[in-house]
Amino acid sequence: MTPDEAFLDDIYEHPDDDAPRLVYADWLDEHGQPARAEFIRVQCELAHLEEDDPRREMLAARESELLELHRDVWMAEAWQRLALEPGAPLLQLDLAFRRGFAEAALDLCTSDFLAHGARLFQKTRFRRVHLWLVRSSPVQWNLAGTSLGSELGQSRLLARVTELDLSLSGVIDEDLEALAASPFVAGLKALILNGSTGGGTGALRPSQASVYALAGSPHLANLKSLTFQFLRLGPPSLGVLAASSHLTGLEELNWGDNRCRDRGVQMLAESPLLPRLKVLRLGMNKLTAEAMRALCGAGPLAMRTLDLGNPLDAPRRNTVEDEGVKALADSPNLGELRCVDLSGNQVGTAGAWAFAASRHLPRLHTLNLAGNHLGDRAAEVFLGMSWPNPRCLGLTGNPISAQRWRELRDRFGPRVKGAPK
């Protein structure tokens, strides 16, 4: 084994530790590869910076410069280490650099993962693994099919996965119960399960029993991000999850289109989970201003991103309206917010005034109000508001005249999104 290979093996064996990466960067400096060494240090530093850290812009620019000059060579080295041709029929791979080293997003069927995963994990680090066909029949067919869920739960390969995506894989309760009972998920940082937006009401899908299993699993204590969307779980499921004594590291919760309604949000607001969350997405849950008041009245929050937005064609929409916006703008508990999405929530001019007058959102830089009832009067409010660090103002699909759009573009430039209807 060469010194270079020994360093790489150490890095892949300790994926969350920057120290082996920085030691390797020092070695690269000493052996005539200063650009590669600098790239590792730059990406490691970027990974730990807050979004609004003043150093981020300079470091990100240097990252781009180094990639522009050396991406092809470094990526070829990564493919060589993986010992697979890009686009091999066994799987789909997408390589990207994270903290100085190539990590892959891996998509393949569960049977191939179980059969070939050991060889793959010897060669590279996978930031995300998306498994298809845990069951032989998709959920939408209303057939249970043959499951690999139990075999997957018993596989030591799971111990090498940090982000697991089971979206549209056919999993039902017994598969997720096997996963939650597995000691090999202890290193999991993110779990993703997006159901189908279509299918009949009788289609098989995970139920509240799956949420109980995950919430009660001591093996998921390191989970930082949980995405359960389009699963129609109902209000109690969010309450069960929020009350978990095991999911104490959770920082991001994506719970879109699960029919949690205001009652589910009230349970979340009364739980120990909400103050720890940095990202909360609750789109398409038929929430009203009552849900916003519950969130805002829960005490000081660490939340950076709050997304209650609706796609334009969403069948189950949140409608917090101006009353909900005023609750948010008047609350002293969400001062850490950077990003707010209230698209399609029936917000009008009074909501625009509430944002403009707020003294409690000093770090807000991204505001998406697409698809609301914001006309020229609301545009005038935004034109006159004091906003020290705007990055994006989303106003797509609002009844704003061409003249006001020109004025908004003069004020905000490319940071305002949208066009006259």
Protein backbone atom coordinates (compact mmCIF):
# COMPACT_ATOMS: atom_id res chain seq x y z
CA MET A 1 0.00 0.00 0.00
CA THR A 2 1.35 3.43 -0.98
CA PRO A 3 1.34 6.35 1.52
CA ASP A 4 -1.31 8.00 -0.64
CA GLU A 5 -3.60 4.96 -0.39
CA ALA A 6 -3.06 4.73 3.36
CA PHE A 7 -4.17 8.32 3.82
CA LEU A 8 -7.28 7.76 1.68
CA ASP A 9 -8.23 4.60 3.54
CA ASP A 10 -7.97 6.47 6.84
CA ILE A 11 -10.16 9.27 5.48
CA TYR A 12 -12.85 6.87 4.27
CA GLU A 13 -12.77 5.00 7.57
CA HIS A 14 -13.37 8.27 9.50
CA PRO A 15 -15.81 10.15 7.26
CA ASP A 16 -16.97 12.71 9.84
CA ASP A 17 -13.50 13.68 11.04
CA ASP A 18 -11.67 16.54 9.32
CA ALA A 19 -8.34 15.70 10.97
CA PRO A 20 -7.26 12.91 8.54
CA ARG A 21 -8.20 15.16 5.63
CA LEU A 22 -6.12 18.04 6.90
CA VAL A 23 -3.17 15.77 7.68
CA TYR A 24 -3.37 14.51 4.10
CA ALA A 25 -3.49 18.12 2.86
CA ASP A 26 -0.21 18.80 4.70
CA TRP A 27 1.31 15.69 3.08
CA LEU A 28 0.16 16.88 -0.36
CA ASP A 29 1.81 20.27 0.23
CA GLU A 30 5.06 18.50 1.04
CA HIS A 31 4.82 16.34 -2.10
CA GLY A 32 4.21 18.98 -4.75
CA GLN A 33 0.38 19.16 -4.87
CA PRO A 34 -0.43 22.55 -3.28
CA ALA A 35 -3.65 23.11 -5.27
CA ARG A 36 -5.14 19.80 -4.12
CA ALA A 37 -4.11 20.58 -0.54
CA GLU A 38 -5.68 24.05 -0.67
CA PHE A 39 -8.91 22.63 -2.11
CA ILE A 40 -9.25 20.19 0.79
CA ARG A 41 -8.74 22.98 3.34
CA VAL A 42 -11.15 25.33 1.57
CA GLN A 43 -13.96 22.77 1.38
CA CYS A 44 -13.45 21.66 4.99
CA GLU A 45 -13.73 25.25 6.16
CA LEU A 46 -16.80 25.93 4.00
CA ALA A 47 -18.55 22.88 5.42
CA HIS A 48 -18.56 24.40 8.90
CA LEU A 49 -19.54 27.99 8.05
CA GLU A 50 -22.99 29.47 8.55
CA GLU A 51 -24.76 30.58 5.37
CA ASP A 52 -24.31 34.26 6.19
CA ASP A 53 -20.70 34.05 7.37
CA PRO A 54 -18.75 36.87 5.65
CA ARG A 55 -15.92 34.47 4.76
CA ARG A 56 -18.20 32.22 2.71
CA GLU A 57 -18.22 34.30 -0.47
CA MET A 58 -14.42 34.48 -0.74
CA LEU A 59 -13.93 30.79 0.03
CA ALA A 60 -16.67 29.72 -2.38
CA ALA A 61 -15.06 31.77 -5.14
CA ARG A 62 -11.69 30.11 -4.50
CA GLU A 63 -13.37 26.68 -4.46
CA SER A 64 -14.83 27.39 -7.91
CA GLU A 65 -11.46 28.55 -9.26
CA LEU A 66 -9.70 25.41 -8.10
CA LEU A 67 -12.41 23.16 -9.52
CA GLU A 68 -12.33 24.98 -12.84
CA LEU A 69 -8.60 24.29 -13.13
CA HIS A 70 -8.39 20.75 -11.76
CA ARG A 71 -11.84 19.10 -11.76
CA ASP A 72 -11.18 16.75 -14.70
CA VAL A 73 -7.94 15.35 -13.25
CA TRP A 74 -9.29 14.98 -9.71
CA MET A 75 -12.53 13.40 -10.91
CA ALA A 76 -10.64 10.93 -13.11
CA GLU A 77 -8.63 9.89 -10.05
CA ALA A 78 -11.85 9.34 -8.13
CA TRP A 79 -13.32 7.13 -10.89
CA GLN A 80 -10.06 5.18 -11.04
CA ARG A 81 -10.22 4.52 -7.30
CA LEU A 82 -13.82 3.36 -7.65
CA ALA A 83 -12.68 0.96 -10.38
CA LEU A 84 -15.97 1.35 -12.27
CA GLU A 85 -16.73 2.99 -15.57
CA PRO A 86 -19.11 5.96 -15.32
CA GLY A 87 -22.62 4.80 -16.15
CA ALA A 88 -21.96 1.12 -15.41
CA PRO A 89 -25.22 -0.87 -15.85
CA LEU A 90 -25.20 -2.16 -12.28
CA LEU A 91 -25.95 1.24 -10.79
CA GLN A 92 -26.20 4.97 -11.31
CA LEU A 93 -23.50 7.14 -9.81
CA ASP A 94 -23.09 10.86 -9.38
CA LEU A 95 -19.72 11.97 -8.02
CA ALA A 96 -19.25 15.32 -6.30
CA PHE A 97 -16.61 16.78 -4.01
CA ARG A 98 -17.44 17.12 -0.31
CA ARG A 99 -14.87 18.38 2.19
CA GLY A 100 -12.14 17.88 -0.38
CA PHE A 101 -12.93 14.35 -1.57
CA ALA A 102 -15.22 12.73 -4.10
CA GLU A 103 -18.36 11.26 -2.63
CA ALA A 104 -20.95 9.46 -4.69
CA ALA A 105 -24.71 9.44 -4.78
CA LEU A 106 -25.59 5.84 -5.50
CA ASP A 107 -28.85 4.63 -7.05
CA LEU A 108 -29.45 0.91 -7.46
CA CYS A 109 -31.95 -1.82 -6.73
CA THR A 110 -31.86 -3.37 -3.27
CA SER A 111 -30.85 -6.83 -4.46
CA ASP A 112 -27.77 -5.41 -6.22
CA PHE A 113 -26.89 -3.36 -3.15
CA LEU A 114 -26.96 -6.48 -0.99
CA ALA A 115 -24.97 -8.50 -3.56
CA HIS A 116 -22.33 -5.95 -4.60
CA GLY A 117 -22.30 -3.29 -1.88
CA ALA A 118 -19.24 -4.66 -0.05
CA ARG A 119 -17.08 -4.20 -3.15
CA LEU A 120 -18.41 -0.70 -3.79
CA PHE A 121 -17.85 0.53 -0.25
CA GLN A 122 -14.23 -0.61 -0.34
CA LYS A 123 -13.62 1.86 -3.14
CA THR A 124 -15.33 5.11 -2.26
CA ARG A 125 -17.53 7.05 0.12
CA PHE A 126 -21.24 7.32 -0.70
CA ARG A 127 -22.97 10.43 0.61
CA ARG A 128 -26.39 9.10 -0.39
CA VAL A 129 -27.75 5.65 -1.23
CA HIS A 130 -31.12 5.44 -2.97
CA LEU A 131 -32.50 1.91 -3.07
CA TRP A 132 -35.21 0.76 -5.44
CA LEU A 133 -37.49 -2.24 -5.15
CA VAL A 134 -37.16 -3.15 -1.51
CA ARG A 135 -40.36 -4.96 -2.44
CA SER A 136 -40.91 -6.74 -5.73
CA SER A 137 -44.12 -4.79 -6.41
CA PRO A 138 -44.41 -1.00 -6.15
CA VAL A 139 -46.78 0.39 -3.54
CA GLN A 140 -49.12 1.84 -6.13
CA TRP A 141 -50.12 -1.64 -7.32
CA ASN A 142 -51.77 -2.47 -3.99
CA LEU A 143 -49.66 -5.63 -3.74
CA ALA A 144 -47.37 -6.49 -0.84
CA GLY A 145 -44.93 -8.40 -3.07
CA THR A 146 -41.75 -10.12 -1.91
CA SER A 147 -39.71 -8.03 0.49
CA LEU A 148 -35.96 -7.63 1.00
CA GLY A 149 -36.64 -5.37 3.99
CA SER A 150 -35.65 -7.94 6.61
CA GLU A 151 -32.45 -8.86 4.75
CA LEU A 152 -31.61 -5.18 4.35
CA GLY A 153 -32.08 -4.56 8.08
CA GLN A 154 -29.65 -7.39 8.85
CA SER A 155 -27.00 -6.18 6.41
CA ARG A 156 -23.78 -4.73 7.84
CA LEU A 157 -23.58 -2.59 4.71
CA LEU A 158 -26.04 -0.20 6.34
CA ALA A 159 -23.31 0.74 8.79
CA ARG A 160 -21.48 2.44 5.88
CA VAL A 161 -24.49 4.50 4.80
CA THR A 162 -25.01 8.02 6.15
CA GLU A 163 -27.95 9.10 3.95
CA LEU A 164 -30.56 6.51 2.96
CA ASP A 165 -33.31 7.26 0.46
CA LEU A 166 -36.17 4.74 0.20
CA SER A 167 -38.49 6.92 -1.87
CA LEU A 168 -40.87 4.97 -4.11
CA SER A 169 -39.10 1.74 -3.18
CA GLY A 170 -42.29 -0.10 -2.22
CA VAL A 171 -41.57 -0.15 1.53
CA ILE A 172 -44.42 -0.64 3.99
CA ASP A 173 -44.57 -0.87 7.79
CA GLU A 174 -42.80 -4.18 8.26
CA ASP A 175 -39.83 -3.02 6.15
CA LEU A 176 -39.37 0.18 8.13
CA GLU A 177 -39.82 -1.71 11.39
CA ALA A 178 -36.96 -4.02 10.35
CA LEU A 179 -34.84 -0.98 9.52
CA ALA A 180 -35.60 0.73 12.84
CA ALA A 181 -34.66 -2.45 14.74
CA SER A 182 -31.31 -2.77 12.97
CA PRO A 183 -28.18 -1.88 14.97
CA PHE A 184 -26.48 -1.10 11.66
CA VAL A 185 -28.37 2.19 11.17
CA ALA A 186 -26.58 3.84 14.08
CA GLY A 187 -24.45 5.93 11.70
CA LEU A 188 -27.40 7.14 9.65
CA LYS A 189 -27.58 10.95 9.43
CA ALA A 190 -30.46 11.30 6.98
CA LEU A 191 -33.48 9.13 6.14
CA ILE A 192 -35.68 10.01 3.16
CA LEU A 193 -39.01 8.49 2.21
CA ASN A 194 -41.13 10.29 -0.35
CA GLY A 195 -44.34 8.54 -1.26
CA SER A 196 -46.26 8.82 -4.48
CA THR A 197 -48.28 11.95 -5.16
CA GLY A 198 -50.68 9.78 -7.17
CA GLY A 199 -52.15 6.33 -6.64
CA GLY A 200 -55.49 5.36 -5.21
CA THR A 201 -56.53 5.72 -1.61
CA GLY A 202 -56.17 1.97 -1.15
CA ALA A 203 -52.49 1.89 -2.18
CA LEU A 204 -50.15 0.27 0.32
CA ARG A 205 -47.85 2.74 2.04
CA PRO A 206 -46.16 3.21 5.43
CA SER A 207 -48.61 4.12 8.19
CA GLN A 208 -48.41 5.52 11.69
CA ALA A 209 -46.90 2.17 12.79
CA SER A 210 -43.73 3.06 10.86
CA VAL A 211 -43.49 6.38 12.68
CA TYR A 212 -43.85 4.62 16.04
CA ALA A 213 -41.04 2.22 15.06
CA LEU A 214 -38.68 5.01 14.00
CA ALA A 215 -39.50 7.21 16.99
CA GLY A 216 -38.90 4.30 19.36
CA SER A 217 -35.59 3.19 17.84
CA PRO A 218 -32.51 3.74 20.01
CA HIS A 219 -30.39 3.08 16.92
CA LEU A 220 -31.41 6.35 15.22
CA ALA A 221 -30.00 8.71 17.84
CA ASN A 222 -27.54 10.18 15.29
CA LEU A 223 -30.22 11.02 12.73
CA LYS A 224 -30.05 14.71 11.81
CA SER A 225 -32.49 14.91 8.91
CA LEU A 226 -35.80 13.09 8.38
CA THR A 227 -37.92 13.42 5.25
CA PHE A 228 -41.36 11.77 5.23
CA GLN A 229 -43.54 13.29 2.50
CA PHE A 230 -46.70 12.41 0.53
CA LEU A 231 -47.59 9.62 2.96
CA ARG A 232 -50.96 10.89 4.35
CA LEU A 233 -49.99 10.03 7.92
CA GLY A 234 -52.35 12.37 9.78
CA PRO A 235 -51.86 14.63 12.85
CA PRO A 236 -50.98 12.00 15.52
CA SER A 237 -47.93 10.80 13.58
CA LEU A 238 -46.22 14.16 13.86
CA GLY A 239 -46.96 14.18 17.59
CA VAL A 240 -45.45 10.69 18.00
CA LEU A 241 -42.30 11.71 16.17
CA ALA A 242 -41.96 14.98 18.07
CA ALA A 243 -42.25 13.22 21.43
CA SER A 244 -39.47 10.71 20.68
CA SER A 245 -36.80 10.42 23.36
CA HIS A 246 -34.38 8.90 20.83
CA LEU A 247 -34.37 11.38 17.93
CA THR A 248 -32.56 13.97 20.01
CA GLY A 249 -30.11 14.94 17.25
CA LEU A 250 -32.76 15.78 14.66
CA GLU A 251 -32.18 19.21 13.11
CA GLU A 252 -34.16 19.01 9.87
CA LEU A 253 -37.72 17.75 9.43
CA ASN A 254 -39.44 17.61 6.04
CA TRP A 255 -43.07 16.58 6.60
CA GLY A 256 -44.84 17.77 3.46
CA ASP A 257 -48.32 16.59 2.42
CA ASN A 258 -48.89 14.33 5.43
CA ARG A 259 -52.24 15.83 6.44
CA CYS A 260 -50.89 16.88 9.82
CA ARG A 261 -53.14 19.99 9.95
CA ASP A 262 -53.01 22.54 12.77
CA ARG A 263 -53.45 19.86 15.43
CA GLY A 264 -50.24 18.09 14.41
CA VAL A 265 -48.30 21.37 14.46
CA GLN A 266 -49.65 22.12 17.93
CA MET A 267 -48.24 18.75 19.11
CA LEU A 268 -44.89 19.65 17.55
CA ALA A 269 -44.93 23.07 19.21
CA GLU A 270 -45.47 21.48 22.62
CA SER A 271 -42.62 18.99 22.17
CA PRO A 272 -38.90 19.17 23.00
CA LEU A 273 -38.10 18.63 19.30
CA LEU A 274 -39.16 22.02 17.91
CA PRO A 275 -36.53 24.17 19.70
CA ARG A 276 -33.78 21.96 18.23
CA LEU A 277 -34.92 22.11 14.61
CA LYS A 278 -32.98 24.30 12.21
CA VAL A 279 -35.03 23.39 9.13
CA LEU A 280 -38.79 22.74 9.14
CA ARG A 281 -40.80 22.07 5.99
CA LEU A 282 -44.54 21.53 6.33
CA GLY A 283 -45.91 22.34 2.89
CA MET A 284 -49.34 21.12 1.74
CA ASN A 285 -50.73 20.14 5.15
CA LYS A 286 -53.84 22.35 5.22
CA LEU A 287 -52.32 24.60 7.86
CA THR A 288 -53.84 27.92 8.86
CA ALA A 289 -52.75 30.93 10.91
CA GLU A 290 -53.40 28.80 14.00
CA ALA A 291 -50.41 26.60 13.11
CA MET A 292 -48.19 29.66 12.65
CA ARG A 293 -49.25 31.03 16.02
CA ALA A 294 -48.41 27.68 17.63
CA LEU A 295 -44.91 27.70 16.12
CA CYS A 296 -44.27 31.33 17.02
CA GLY A 297 -45.47 30.91 20.59
CA ALA A 298 -43.27 27.91 21.41
CA GLY A 299 -40.41 29.94 22.88
CA PRO A 300 -37.00 30.80 21.37
CA LEU A 301 -36.19 28.62 18.35
CA ALA A 302 -32.95 27.83 16.51
CA MET A 303 -34.80 27.61 13.18
CA ARG A 304 -33.00 28.86 10.05
CA THR A 305 -35.51 27.74 7.42
CA LEU A 306 -39.31 27.68 7.69
CA ASP A 307 -41.14 26.36 4.64
CA LEU A 308 -44.94 26.30 4.62
CA GLY A 309 -45.11 26.85 0.87
CA ASN A 310 -47.42 25.21 -1.65
CA PRO A 311 -46.73 24.34 -5.30
CA LEU A 312 -49.13 26.06 -7.66
CA ASP A 313 -51.04 22.81 -8.34
CA ALA A 314 -51.08 21.51 -4.73
CA PRO A 315 -54.42 19.81 -3.92
CA ARG A 316 -53.99 20.31 -0.14
CA ARG A 317 -52.78 23.83 0.53
CA ASN A 318 -51.63 25.74 3.57
CA THR A 319 -53.42 29.08 3.98
CA VAL A 320 -51.80 31.04 6.80
CA GLU A 321 -52.93 34.32 5.16
CA ASP A 322 -52.01 37.77 6.48
CA GLU A 323 -52.91 36.79 10.03
CA GLY A 324 -50.26 34.05 10.03
CA VAL A 325 -47.64 36.38 8.52
CA LYS A 326 -48.33 38.93 11.25
CA ALA A 327 -47.85 36.24 13.92
CA LEU A 328 -44.46 35.39 12.40
CA ALA A 329 -43.35 38.98 11.92
CA ASP A 330 -44.36 39.99 15.46
CA SER A 331 -42.74 37.02 17.21
CA PRO A 332 -39.40 37.52 19.01
CA ASN A 333 -38.79 33.76 18.94
CA LEU A 334 -37.62 33.28 15.34
CA GLY A 335 -34.78 35.76 15.09
CA GLU A 336 -32.46 33.12 13.59
CA LEU A 337 -34.60 32.70 10.46
CA ARG A 338 -32.77 33.13 7.16
CA CYS A 339 -35.27 31.61 4.73
CA VAL A 340 -39.08 31.72 4.74
CA ASP A 341 -41.35 30.17 2.11
CA LEU A 342 -45.03 31.12 2.23
CA SER A 343 -45.81 30.60 -1.44
CA GLY A 344 -49.47 30.03 -2.23
CA ASN A 345 -50.70 30.94 1.28
CA GLN A 346 -53.19 33.70 0.34
CA VAL A 347 -50.92 36.46 1.62
CA GLY A 348 -51.92 40.00 0.70
CA THR A 349 -50.79 43.58 1.22
CA ALA A 350 -51.22 43.40 4.99
CA GLY A 351 -48.77 40.49 5.01
CA ALA A 352 -46.24 42.54 3.05
CA TRP A 353 -46.61 45.35 5.60
CA ALA A 354 -46.05 42.89 8.44
CA PHE A 355 -42.71 41.76 6.97
CA ALA A 356 -41.65 45.34 6.25
CA ALA A 357 -42.42 46.49 9.80
CA SER A 358 -40.89 43.50 11.59
CA ARG A 359 -37.99 44.10 13.97
CA HIS A 360 -37.64 40.42 14.79
CA LEU A 361 -36.20 38.99 11.54
CA PRO A 362 -32.78 40.65 11.29
CA ARG A 363 -31.07 37.72 9.52
CA LEU A 364 -33.78 36.99 6.95
CA HIS A 365 -32.31 36.97 3.44
CA THR A 366 -34.68 34.77 1.41
CA LEU A 367 -38.44 35.29 1.23
CA ASN A 368 -40.65 33.34 -1.17
CA LEU A 369 -44.15 34.77 -1.57
CA ALA A 370 -44.93 33.34 -5.00
CA GLY A 371 -48.53 32.63 -5.94
CA ASN A 372 -50.16 34.95 -3.40
CA HIS A 373 -52.42 38.03 -3.62
CA LEU A 374 -49.67 40.65 -3.76
CA GLY A 375 -50.42 43.48 -6.16
CA ASP A 376 -48.96 46.92 -6.82
CA ARG A 377 -49.59 48.16 -3.28
CA ALA A 378 -47.62 45.25 -1.87
CA ALA A 379 -44.86 45.93 -4.41
CA GLU A 380 -44.66 49.51 -3.13
CA VAL A 381 -44.22 48.14 0.39
CA PHE A 382 -41.26 46.00 -0.71
CA LEU A 383 -39.76 48.90 -2.63
CA GLY A 384 -39.76 51.03 0.50
CA MET A 385 -38.79 48.46 3.13
CA SER A 386 -35.44 48.42 4.86
CA TRP A 387 -33.81 45.07 4.11
CA PRO A 388 -30.05 45.03 4.68
CA ASN A 389 -29.12 41.69 3.10
CA PRO A 390 -31.69 40.41 0.58
CA ARG A 391 -30.67 37.40 -1.51
CA CYS A 392 -34.00 36.37 -2.98
CA LEU A 393 -37.51 37.83 -3.03
CA GLY A 394 -39.87 35.41 -4.78
CA LEU A 395 -42.94 37.10 -6.25
CA THR A 396 -43.76 34.81 -9.18
CA GLY A 397 -47.46 34.52 -9.96
CA ASN A 398 -48.61 37.69 -8.16
CA PRO A 399 -50.81 40.36 -9.84
CA ILE A 400 -48.09 43.03 -10.09
CA SER A 401 -48.08 45.45 -13.01
CA ALA A 402 -45.25 45.76 -15.52
CA GLN A 403 -44.32 49.21 -14.16
CA ARG A 404 -43.96 47.94 -10.60
CA TRP A 405 -41.92 44.97 -11.87
CA ARG A 406 -39.48 47.38 -13.49
CA GLU A 407 -39.17 49.27 -10.22
CA LEU A 408 -38.66 46.05 -8.26
CA ARG A 409 -35.88 45.01 -10.66
CA ASP A 410 -34.26 48.43 -10.32
CA ARG A 411 -34.27 48.01 -6.54
CA PHE A 412 -33.42 44.31 -6.16
CA GLY A 413 -31.87 43.34 -9.51
CA PRO A 414 -31.76 39.57 -10.18
CA ARG A 415 -32.63 38.87 -6.55
CA VAL A 416 -36.33 39.44 -7.26
CA LYS A 417 -37.95 36.45 -9.00
CA GLY A 418 -41.00 36.65 -11.20
CA ALA A 419 -42.55 38.60 -14.11
CA PRO A 420 -45.82 40.46 -14.84
CA LYS A 421 -48.82 38.14 -15.08
